[in-house]
Amino acid sequence: MPVSGTALKAWPVLSPAQIKMILSAGILTVEDLAGLPDSDLPAIGIGGLSLRDKARAWLSAAEDKGKLAEENAALKLQVTTLSEQVTTLAAEFAKMKATAK
């Protein structure tokens, strides 16, 4: 198992034969595959360029989801804060209205 990164065996994009071929080239993770220079592509055989591009696209999509999750959490916090402010203002308005009568 790799020390860090996504193990090729855990990446659902690859067939068992592709996993075996890539592992035999000494590449253990999707991150390693994505970072493979052009000069090393022949080591993983036919379709190496396509596999590297798939790895890059998959990692990019995963990163985008992380950014969206962060943004979603920040927006949820903002909604909670604004809801609390609305509740406080509504209570203050109700008090002011009651004392004005």
Protein backbone atom coordinates (compact mmCIF):
# COMPACT_ATOMS: atom_id res chain seq x y z
CA MET A 1 0.00 0.00 0.00
CA PRO A 2 1.22 3.51 -0.76
CA VAL A 3 2.23 5.78 2.10
CA SER A 4 0.11 8.67 0.81
CA GLY A 5 -2.26 9.18 -2.07
CA THR A 6 -4.99 7.06 -3.63
CA ALA A 7 -3.96 3.48 -4.22
CA LEU A 8 -4.44 2.36 -7.81
CA LYS A 9 -6.34 -0.69 -6.55
CA ALA A 10 -8.89 1.65 -4.93
CA TRP A 11 -9.40 3.68 -8.11
CA PRO A 12 -12.51 2.34 -9.86
CA VAL A 13 -11.47 3.64 -13.28
CA LEU A 14 -8.92 0.91 -13.90
CA SER A 15 -9.40 -2.68 -14.93
CA PRO A 16 -7.43 -5.38 -13.08
CA ALA A 17 -5.13 -5.74 -16.11
CA GLN A 18 -4.42 -2.00 -16.16
CA ILE A 19 -3.69 -2.00 -12.45
CA LYS A 20 -1.21 -4.83 -12.88
CA MET A 21 0.46 -3.09 -15.84
CA ILE A 22 0.79 0.23 -14.00
CA LEU A 23 1.99 -1.34 -10.75
CA SER A 24 4.66 -3.26 -12.69
CA ALA A 25 6.00 0.14 -13.82
CA GLY A 26 6.45 1.12 -10.15
CA ILE A 27 3.51 3.50 -10.03
CA LEU A 28 1.50 2.98 -6.83
CA THR A 29 -0.97 5.86 -6.66
CA VAL A 30 -3.32 7.87 -8.83
CA GLU A 31 -1.26 10.92 -7.88
CA ASP A 32 1.91 9.21 -9.17
CA LEU A 33 0.16 8.37 -12.42
CA ALA A 34 -1.12 11.94 -12.83
CA GLY A 35 2.39 13.31 -12.32
CA LEU A 36 4.06 10.90 -14.73
CA PRO A 37 6.23 12.76 -17.27
CA ASP A 38 5.79 12.07 -20.98
CA SER A 39 9.13 10.27 -21.08
CA ASP A 40 7.87 7.63 -18.65
CA LEU A 41 4.54 6.94 -20.38
CA PRO A 42 5.90 4.03 -22.47
CA ALA A 43 6.60 2.16 -19.22
CA ILE A 44 2.88 1.65 -18.66
CA GLY A 45 2.16 0.59 -22.24
CA ILE A 46 -0.49 1.45 -24.76
CA GLY A 47 -3.00 3.99 -23.50
CA GLY A 48 -0.59 5.48 -20.99
CA LEU A 49 -1.35 9.03 -22.05
CA SER A 50 -5.09 8.44 -21.73
CA LEU A 51 -4.67 6.87 -18.29
CA ARG A 52 -2.54 9.78 -17.11
CA ASP A 53 -5.15 12.25 -18.40
CA LYS A 54 -7.91 10.33 -16.60
CA ALA A 55 -5.89 10.45 -13.37
CA ARG A 56 -5.39 14.20 -13.72
CA ALA A 57 -9.08 14.80 -14.44
CA TRP A 58 -10.15 12.59 -11.52
CA LEU A 59 -7.86 14.41 -9.08
CA SER A 60 -9.02 17.78 -10.37
CA ALA A 61 -12.66 16.79 -9.86
CA ALA A 62 -11.90 15.57 -6.34
CA GLU A 63 -10.19 18.88 -5.54
CA ASP A 64 -13.16 20.84 -6.87
CA LYS A 65 -15.50 18.87 -4.59
CA GLY A 66 -13.33 19.81 -1.62
CA LYS A 67 -13.57 23.48 -2.50
CA LEU A 68 -17.33 23.19 -2.87
CA ALA A 69 -17.60 21.46 0.50
CA GLU A 70 -15.63 24.29 2.14
CA GLU A 71 -17.82 26.91 0.49
CA ASN A 72 -20.96 25.02 1.51
CA ALA A 73 -19.82 24.89 5.15
CA ALA A 74 -19.08 28.62 5.15
CA LEU A 75 -22.49 29.40 3.68
CA LYS A 76 -24.23 27.20 6.27
CA LEU A 77 -22.45 29.10 9.03
CA GLN A 78 -23.48 32.41 7.47
CA VAL A 79 -27.12 31.26 7.23
CA THR A 80 -27.09 30.21 10.89
CA THR A 81 -25.63 33.57 11.96
CA LEU A 82 -28.15 35.52 9.90
CA SER A 83 -31.03 33.43 11.24
CA GLU A 84 -29.96 34.17 14.80
CA GLN A 85 -29.79 37.89 13.98
CA VAL A 86 -33.28 37.82 12.45
CA THR A 87 -34.65 36.09 15.55
CA THR A 88 -33.02 38.68 17.82
CA LEU A 89 -34.28 41.60 15.74
CA ALA A 90 -37.80 40.16 15.59
CA ALA A 91 -37.85 39.84 19.39
CA GLU A 92 -36.61 43.43 19.80
CA PHE A 93 -39.20 44.67 17.32
CA ALA A 94 -41.97 42.83 19.19
CA LYS A 95 -40.86 44.50 22.46
CA MET A 96 -40.78 47.93 20.83
CA LYS A 97 -44.21 47.38 19.33
CA ALA A 98 -45.64 46.26 22.69
CA THR A 99 -44.27 49.31 24.53
CA ALA A 100 -45.56 51.68 21.83
CA LYS A 101 -49.19 50.70 22.50
